[in-house]
Amino acid sequence: MPSPSQRHEGSGPRVGAPAPAAAPEPEPKPALTAQPLCDRPGARLSGSCDLDTRPILCAALGAVTRIPGQVVHLDLSAVVHVDPAAVAALVQATATVTGQGRRLLLHHPPYSLRRLVEMFPDECAALEVAA
Protein backbone atom coordinates (compact mmCIF):
# COMPACT_ATOMS: atom_id res chain seq x y z
CA MET A 1 0.00 0.00 0.00
CA PRO A 2 1.51 3.35 -0.95
CA SER A 3 2.14 5.93 1.73
CA PRO A 4 0.15 9.18 1.62
CA SER A 5 3.08 10.90 -0.07
CA GLN A 6 3.16 8.23 -2.79
CA ARG A 7 -0.56 8.35 -3.66
CA HIS A 8 -1.41 9.42 -7.11
CA GLU A 9 -3.95 12.11 -7.72
CA GLY A 10 -7.45 10.70 -7.83
CA SER A 11 -6.60 7.62 -5.75
CA GLY A 12 -8.12 8.94 -2.53
CA PRO A 13 -10.51 11.49 -1.18
CA ARG A 14 -9.86 15.02 -2.26
CA VAL A 15 -9.05 17.23 0.67
CA GLY A 16 -10.71 20.60 0.62
CA ALA A 17 -13.26 19.66 -2.04
CA PRO A 18 -16.71 21.07 -1.32
CA ALA A 19 -19.26 18.54 -0.19
CA PRO A 20 -22.05 17.95 -2.65
CA ALA A 21 -25.07 20.07 -1.89
CA ALA A 22 -27.71 18.09 -0.07
CA ALA A 23 -31.22 18.40 -1.37
CA PRO A 24 -33.39 20.21 1.15
CA GLU A 25 -35.50 17.79 3.11
CA PRO A 26 -39.21 18.35 2.71
CA GLU A 27 -41.00 19.45 5.84
CA PRO A 28 -42.75 16.50 7.42
CA LYS A 29 -46.51 16.60 6.95
CA PRO A 30 -48.57 16.62 10.12
CA ALA A 31 -49.55 13.10 11.05
CA LEU A 32 -53.16 14.23 11.52
CA THR A 33 -55.08 17.07 9.91
CA ALA A 34 -58.68 18.24 10.13
CA GLN A 35 -60.55 20.19 7.47
CA PRO A 36 -64.13 21.46 7.50
CA LEU A 37 -66.59 19.73 5.21
CA CYS A 38 -67.94 21.88 2.38
CA ASP A 39 -71.26 20.14 1.81
CA ARG A 40 -72.53 19.57 5.37
CA PRO A 41 -71.72 20.49 8.97
CA GLY A 42 -68.67 18.59 10.09
CA ALA A 43 -65.02 17.84 9.43
CA ARG A 44 -62.72 15.43 7.62
CA LEU A 45 -59.78 13.91 9.45
CA SER A 46 -56.69 12.70 7.58
CA GLY A 47 -53.77 10.75 8.94
CA SER A 48 -53.30 8.68 12.06
CA CYS A 49 -55.01 9.07 15.44
CA ASP A 50 -52.46 7.89 17.98
CA LEU A 51 -50.30 9.04 20.88
CA ASP A 52 -48.31 11.45 18.71
CA THR A 53 -51.41 13.16 17.33
CA ARG A 54 -53.60 13.11 20.45
CA PRO A 55 -53.47 16.91 21.01
CA ILE A 56 -54.49 17.52 17.38
CA LEU A 57 -57.33 15.01 17.63
CA CYS A 58 -58.63 16.50 20.86
CA ALA A 59 -58.55 20.01 19.40
CA ALA A 60 -60.29 18.84 16.23
CA LEU A 61 -63.00 16.99 18.15
CA GLY A 62 -63.49 19.99 20.40
CA ALA A 63 -64.11 22.11 17.30
CA VAL A 64 -66.41 19.46 15.82
CA THR A 65 -68.59 19.44 18.93
CA ARG A 66 -69.11 23.21 18.52
CA ILE A 67 -70.23 23.01 14.88
CA PRO A 68 -73.92 23.93 14.71
CA GLY A 69 -76.46 21.52 13.28
CA GLN A 70 -78.68 18.67 14.39
CA VAL A 71 -76.30 16.18 12.80
CA VAL A 72 -72.55 16.77 12.74
CA HIS A 73 -70.57 14.61 10.31
CA LEU A 74 -67.05 13.29 10.83
CA ASP A 75 -65.47 11.86 7.66
CA LEU A 76 -62.79 9.34 8.57
CA SER A 77 -62.13 8.04 5.04
CA ALA A 78 -58.55 9.39 5.07
CA VAL A 79 -57.70 8.11 8.55
CA VAL A 80 -55.28 5.20 8.40
CA HIS A 81 -55.20 4.21 12.08
CA VAL A 82 -57.14 4.85 15.27
CA ASP A 83 -55.75 3.71 18.61
CA PRO A 84 -57.89 2.90 21.69
CA ALA A 85 -57.39 6.32 23.30
CA ALA A 86 -58.58 7.97 20.07
CA VAL A 87 -61.70 5.80 20.16
CA ALA A 88 -62.27 6.96 23.73
CA ALA A 89 -61.97 10.57 22.50
CA LEU A 90 -64.54 9.85 19.77
CA VAL A 91 -66.89 8.34 22.38
CA GLN A 92 -66.45 11.46 24.54
CA ALA A 93 -67.15 13.77 21.59
CA THR A 94 -70.25 11.73 20.80
CA ALA A 95 -71.41 12.06 24.41
CA THR A 96 -70.86 15.83 24.26
CA VAL A 97 -72.90 16.20 21.06
CA THR A 98 -75.60 13.82 22.32
CA GLY A 99 -75.82 15.85 25.53
CA GLN A 100 -76.66 18.85 23.36
CA GLY A 101 -79.55 16.92 21.79
CA ARG A 102 -77.65 16.37 18.53
CA ARG A 103 -75.91 13.51 16.72
CA LEU A 104 -72.30 12.88 15.68
CA LEU A 105 -72.29 10.65 12.61
CA LEU A 106 -69.05 8.88 11.62
CA HIS A 107 -68.41 8.19 7.94
CA HIS A 108 -66.01 5.59 6.51
CA PRO A 109 -64.27 4.48 9.73
CA PRO A 110 -60.92 2.77 9.23
CA TYR A 111 -60.48 -0.91 9.98
CA SER A 112 -58.74 -0.20 13.29
CA LEU A 113 -61.79 1.71 14.57
CA ARG A 114 -64.22 -0.96 13.38
CA ARG A 115 -62.08 -3.63 15.06
CA LEU A 116 -61.97 -1.77 18.38
CA VAL A 117 -65.74 -1.30 18.27
CA GLU A 118 -66.08 -5.08 17.83
CA MET A 119 -63.71 -5.70 20.75
CA PHE A 120 -65.40 -3.19 23.08
CA PRO A 121 -69.05 -3.07 22.02
CA ASP A 122 -70.40 -1.73 25.31
CA GLU A 123 -67.86 1.09 25.55
CA CYS A 124 -68.39 2.05 21.90
CA ALA A 125 -72.18 1.64 21.78
CA ALA A 126 -72.70 5.42 21.53
CA LEU A 127 -70.72 5.69 18.29
CA GLU A 128 -72.97 6.03 15.26
CA VAL A 129 -71.61 5.03 11.86
CA ALA A 130 -73.30 6.08 8.62
CA ALA A 131 -74.66 3.22 6.56
C-alpha atoms as a PDB file:
ATOM      1  CA  MET A   1       0.000   0.000   0.000  1.00  0.00           C
ATOM      2  CA  PRO A   2       1.510   3.346  -0.949  1.00  0.00           C
ATOM      3  CA  SER A   3       2.141   5.926   1.727  1.00  0.00           C
ATOM      4  CA  PRO A   4       0.154   9.178   1.620  1.00  0.00           C
ATOM      5  CA  SER A   5       3.080  10.901  -0.066  1.00  0.00           C
ATOM      6  CA  GLN A   6       3.159   8.230  -2.790  1.00  0.00           C
ATOM      7  CA  ARG A   7      -0.559   8.354  -3.659  1.00  0.00           C
ATOM      8  CA  HIS A   8      -1.414   9.416  -7.110  1.00  0.00           C
ATOM      9  CA  GLU A   9      -3.950  12.111  -7.717  1.00  0.00           C
ATOM     10  CA  GLY A  10      -7.453  10.700  -7.834  1.00  0.00           C
ATOM     11  CA  SER A  11      -6.597   7.621  -5.750  1.00  0.00           C
ATOM     12  CA  GLY A  12      -8.123   8.936  -2.530  1.00  0.00           C
ATOM     13  CA  PRO A  13     -10.513  11.486  -1.176  1.00  0.00           C
ATOM     14  CA  ARG A  14      -9.857  15.024  -2.258  1.00  0.00           C
ATOM     15  CA  VAL A  15      -9.053  17.226   0.671  1.00  0.00           C
ATOM     16  CA  GLY A  16     -10.708  20.597   0.619  1.00  0.00           C
ATOM     17  CA  ALA A  17     -13.255  19.664  -2.041  1.00  0.00           C
ATOM     18  CA  PRO A  18     -16.706  21.069  -1.320  1.00  0.00           C
ATOM     19  CA  ALA A  19     -19.255  18.543  -0.191  1.00  0.00           C
ATOM     20  CA  PRO A  20     -22.049  17.947  -2.650  1.00  0.00           C
ATOM     21  CA  ALA A  21     -25.071  20.068  -1.893  1.00  0.00           C
ATOM     22  CA  ALA A  22     -27.709  18.091  -0.075  1.00  0.00           C
ATOM     23  CA  ALA A  23     -31.225  18.398  -1.369  1.00  0.00           C
ATOM     24  CA  PRO A  24     -33.386  20.208   1.146  1.00  0.00           C
ATOM     25  CA  GLU A  25     -35.500  17.788   3.113  1.00  0.00           C
ATOM     26  CA  PRO A  26     -39.206  18.352   2.710  1.00  0.00           C
ATOM     27  CA  GLU A  27     -41.004  19.450   5.840  1.00  0.00           C
ATOM     28  CA  PRO A  28     -42.754  16.504   7.418  1.00  0.00           C
ATOM     29  CA  LYS A  29     -46.507  16.599   6.951  1.00  0.00           C
ATOM     30  CA  PRO A  30     -48.572  16.620  10.121  1.00  0.00           C
ATOM     31  CA  ALA A  31     -49.546  13.104  11.052  1.00  0.00           C
ATOM     32  CA  LEU A  32     -53.165  14.230  11.520  1.00  0.00           C
ATOM     33  CA  THR A  33     -55.081  17.068   9.915  1.00  0.00           C
ATOM     34  CA  ALA A  34     -58.675  18.244  10.135  1.00  0.00           C
ATOM     35  CA  GLN A  35     -60.551  20.189   7.475  1.00  0.00           C
ATOM     36  CA  PRO A  36     -64.133  21.461   7.503  1.00  0.00           C
ATOM     37  CA  LEU A  37     -66.585  19.733   5.207  1.00  0.00           C
ATOM     38  CA  CYS A  38     -67.940  21.885   2.381  1.00  0.00           C
ATOM     39  CA  ASP A  39     -71.260  20.138   1.810  1.00  0.00           C
ATOM     40  CA  ARG A  40     -72.528  19.568   5.367  1.00  0.00           C
ATOM     41  CA  PRO A  41     -71.723  20.491   8.967  1.00  0.00           C
ATOM     42  CA  GLY A  42     -68.668  18.591  10.092  1.00  0.00           C
ATOM     43  CA  ALA A  43     -65.020  17.842   9.433  1.00  0.00           C
ATOM     44  CA  ARG A  44     -62.720  15.431   7.623  1.00  0.00           C
ATOM     45  CA  LEU A  45     -59.779  13.908   9.447  1.00  0.00           C
ATOM     46  CA  SER A  46     -56.690  12.700   7.576  1.00  0.00           C
ATOM     47  CA  GLY A  47     -53.765  10.752   8.942  1.00  0.00           C
ATOM     48  CA  SER A  48     -53.300   8.678  12.065  1.00  0.00           C
ATOM     49  CA  CYS A  49     -55.013   9.069  15.443  1.00  0.00           C
ATOM     50  CA  ASP A  50     -52.456   7.890  17.979  1.00  0.00           C
ATOM     51  CA  LEU A  51     -50.302   9.043  20.875  1.00  0.00           C
ATOM     52  CA  ASP A  52     -48.307  11.454  18.715  1.00  0.00           C
ATOM     53  CA  THR A  53     -51.411  13.159  17.328  1.00  0.00           C
ATOM     54  CA  ARG A  54     -53.604  13.111  20.447  1.00  0.00           C
ATOM     55  CA  PRO A  55     -53.475  16.906  21.006  1.00  0.00           C
ATOM     56  CA  ILE A  56     -54.487  17.524  17.376  1.00  0.00           C
ATOM     57  CA  LEU A  57     -57.326  15.009  17.626  1.00  0.00           C
ATOM     58  CA  CYS A  58     -58.631  16.498  20.864  1.00  0.00           C
ATOM     59  CA  ALA A  59     -58.550  20.011  19.404  1.00  0.00           C
ATOM     60  CA  ALA A  60     -60.294  18.835  16.227  1.00  0.00           C
ATOM     61  CA  LEU A  61     -62.995  16.986  18.146  1.00  0.00           C
ATOM     62  CA  GLY A  62     -63.487  19.994  20.398  1.00  0.00           C
ATOM     63  CA  ALA A  63     -64.106  22.106  17.302  1.00  0.00           C
ATOM     64  CA  VAL A  64     -66.409  19.464  15.818  1.00  0.00           C
ATOM     65  CA  THR A  65     -68.589  19.443  18.933  1.00  0.00           C
ATOM     66  CA  ARG A  66     -69.106  23.207  18.521  1.00  0.00           C
ATOM     67  CA  ILE A  67     -70.234  23.008  14.882  1.00  0.00           C
ATOM     68  CA  PRO A  68     -73.919  23.931  14.715  1.00  0.00           C
ATOM     69  CA  GLY A  69     -76.458  21.524  13.276  1.00  0.00           C
ATOM     70  CA  GLN A  70     -78.681  18.675  14.391  1.00  0.00           C
ATOM     71  CA  VAL A  71     -76.303  16.179  12.804  1.00  0.00           C
ATOM     72  CA  VAL A  72     -72.552  16.769  12.736  1.00  0.00           C
ATOM     73  CA  HIS A  73     -70.571  14.613  10.312  1.00  0.00           C
ATOM     74  CA  LEU A  74     -67.049  13.290  10.826  1.00  0.00           C
ATOM     75  CA  ASP A  75     -65.475  11.861   7.659  1.00  0.00           C
ATOM     76  CA  LEU A  76     -62.787   9.336   8.565  1.00  0.00           C
ATOM     77  CA  SER A  77     -62.128   8.036   5.042  1.00  0.00           C
ATOM     78  CA  ALA A  78     -58.552   9.386   5.067  1.00  0.00           C
ATOM     79  CA  VAL A  79     -57.698   8.114   8.555  1.00  0.00           C
ATOM     80  CA  VAL A  80     -55.280   5.203   8.396  1.00  0.00           C
ATOM     81  CA  HIS A  81     -55.196   4.211  12.081  1.00  0.00           C
ATOM     82  CA  VAL A  82     -57.141   4.850  15.274  1.00  0.00           C
ATOM     83  CA  ASP A  83     -55.748   3.711  18.613  1.00  0.00           C
ATOM     84  CA  PRO A  84     -57.892   2.896  21.692  1.00  0.00           C
ATOM     85  CA  ALA A  85     -57.393   6.320  23.295  1.00  0.00           C
ATOM     86  CA  ALA A  86     -58.577   7.966  20.073  1.00  0.00           C
ATOM     87  CA  VAL A  87     -61.696   5.797  20.165  1.00  0.00           C
ATOM     88  CA  ALA A  88     -62.273   6.963  23.732  1.00  0.00           C
ATOM     89  CA  ALA A  89     -61.966  10.575  22.497  1.00  0.00           C
ATOM     90  CA  LEU A  90     -64.539   9.849  19.774  1.00  0.00           C
ATOM     91  CA  VAL A  91     -66.886   8.341  22.377  1.00  0.00           C
ATOM     92  CA  GLN A  92     -66.453  11.457  24.542  1.00  0.00           C
ATOM     93  CA  ALA A  93     -67.147  13.766  21.586  1.00  0.00           C
ATOM     94  CA  THR A  94     -70.250  11.727  20.800  1.00  0.00           C
ATOM     95  CA  ALA A  95     -71.407  12.062  24.411  1.00  0.00           C
ATOM     96  CA  THR A  96     -70.863  15.829  24.256  1.00  0.00           C
ATOM     97  CA  VAL A  97     -72.897  16.204  21.063  1.00  0.00           C
ATOM     98  CA  THR A  98     -75.595  13.820  22.316  1.00  0.00           C
ATOM     99  CA  GLY A  99     -75.815  15.846  25.532  1.00  0.00           C
ATOM    100  CA  GLN A 100     -76.656  18.847  23.356  1.00  0.00           C
ATOM    101  CA  GLY A 101     -79.551  16.920  21.789  1.00  0.00           C
ATOM    102  CA  ARG A 102     -77.654  16.368  18.531  1.00  0.00           C
ATOM    103  CA  ARG A 103     -75.910  13.505  16.717  1.00  0.00           C
ATOM    104  CA  LEU A 104     -72.301  12.878  15.681  1.00  0.00           C
ATOM    105  CA  LEU A 105     -72.292  10.646  12.609  1.00  0.00           C
ATOM    106  CA  LEU A 106     -69.049   8.878  11.616  1.00  0.00           C
ATOM    107  CA  HIS A 107     -68.411   8.193   7.936  1.00  0.00           C
ATOM    108  CA  HIS A 108     -66.012   5.594   6.508  1.00  0.00           C
ATOM    109  CA  PRO A 109     -64.275   4.482   9.730  1.00  0.00           C
ATOM    110  CA  PRO A 110     -60.918   2.765   9.229  1.00  0.00           C
ATOM    111  CA  TYR A 111     -60.481  -0.914   9.983  1.00  0.00           C
ATOM    112  CA  SER A 112     -58.743  -0.199  13.292  1.00  0.00           C
ATOM    113  CA  LEU A 113     -61.790   1.708  14.568  1.00  0.00           C
ATOM    114  CA  ARG A 114     -64.223  -0.964  13.385  1.00  0.00           C
ATOM    115  CA  ARG A 115     -62.078  -3.630  15.063  1.00  0.00           C
ATOM    116  CA  LEU A 116     -61.966  -1.766  18.381  1.00  0.00           C
ATOM    117  CA  VAL A 117     -65.743  -1.300  18.275  1.00  0.00           C
ATOM    118  CA  GLU A 118     -66.077  -5.079  17.831  1.00  0.00           C
ATOM    119  CA  MET A 119     -63.707  -5.700  20.751  1.00  0.00           C
ATOM    120  CA  PHE A 120     -65.399  -3.195  23.078  1.00  0.00           C
ATOM    121  CA  PRO A 121     -69.054  -3.073  22.017  1.00  0.00           C
ATOM    122  CA  ASP A 122     -70.403  -1.733  25.312  1.00  0.00           C
ATOM    123  CA  GLU A 123     -67.860   1.092  25.549  1.00  0.00           C
ATOM    124  CA  CYS A 124     -68.387   2.053  21.902  1.00  0.00           C
ATOM    125  CA  ALA A 125     -72.181   1.637  21.782  1.00  0.00           C
ATOM    126  CA  ALA A 126     -72.698   5.417  21.534  1.00  0.00           C
ATOM    127  CA  LEU A 127     -70.721   5.686  18.289  1.00  0.00           C
ATOM    128  CA  GLU A 128     -72.975   6.030  15.263  1.00  0.00           C
ATOM    129  CA  VAL A 129     -71.610   5.034  11.863  1.00  0.00           C
ATOM    130  CA  ALA A 130     -73.303   6.077   8.618  1.00  0.00           C
ATOM    131  CA  ALA A 131     -74.655   3.224   6.562  1.00  0.00           C
END
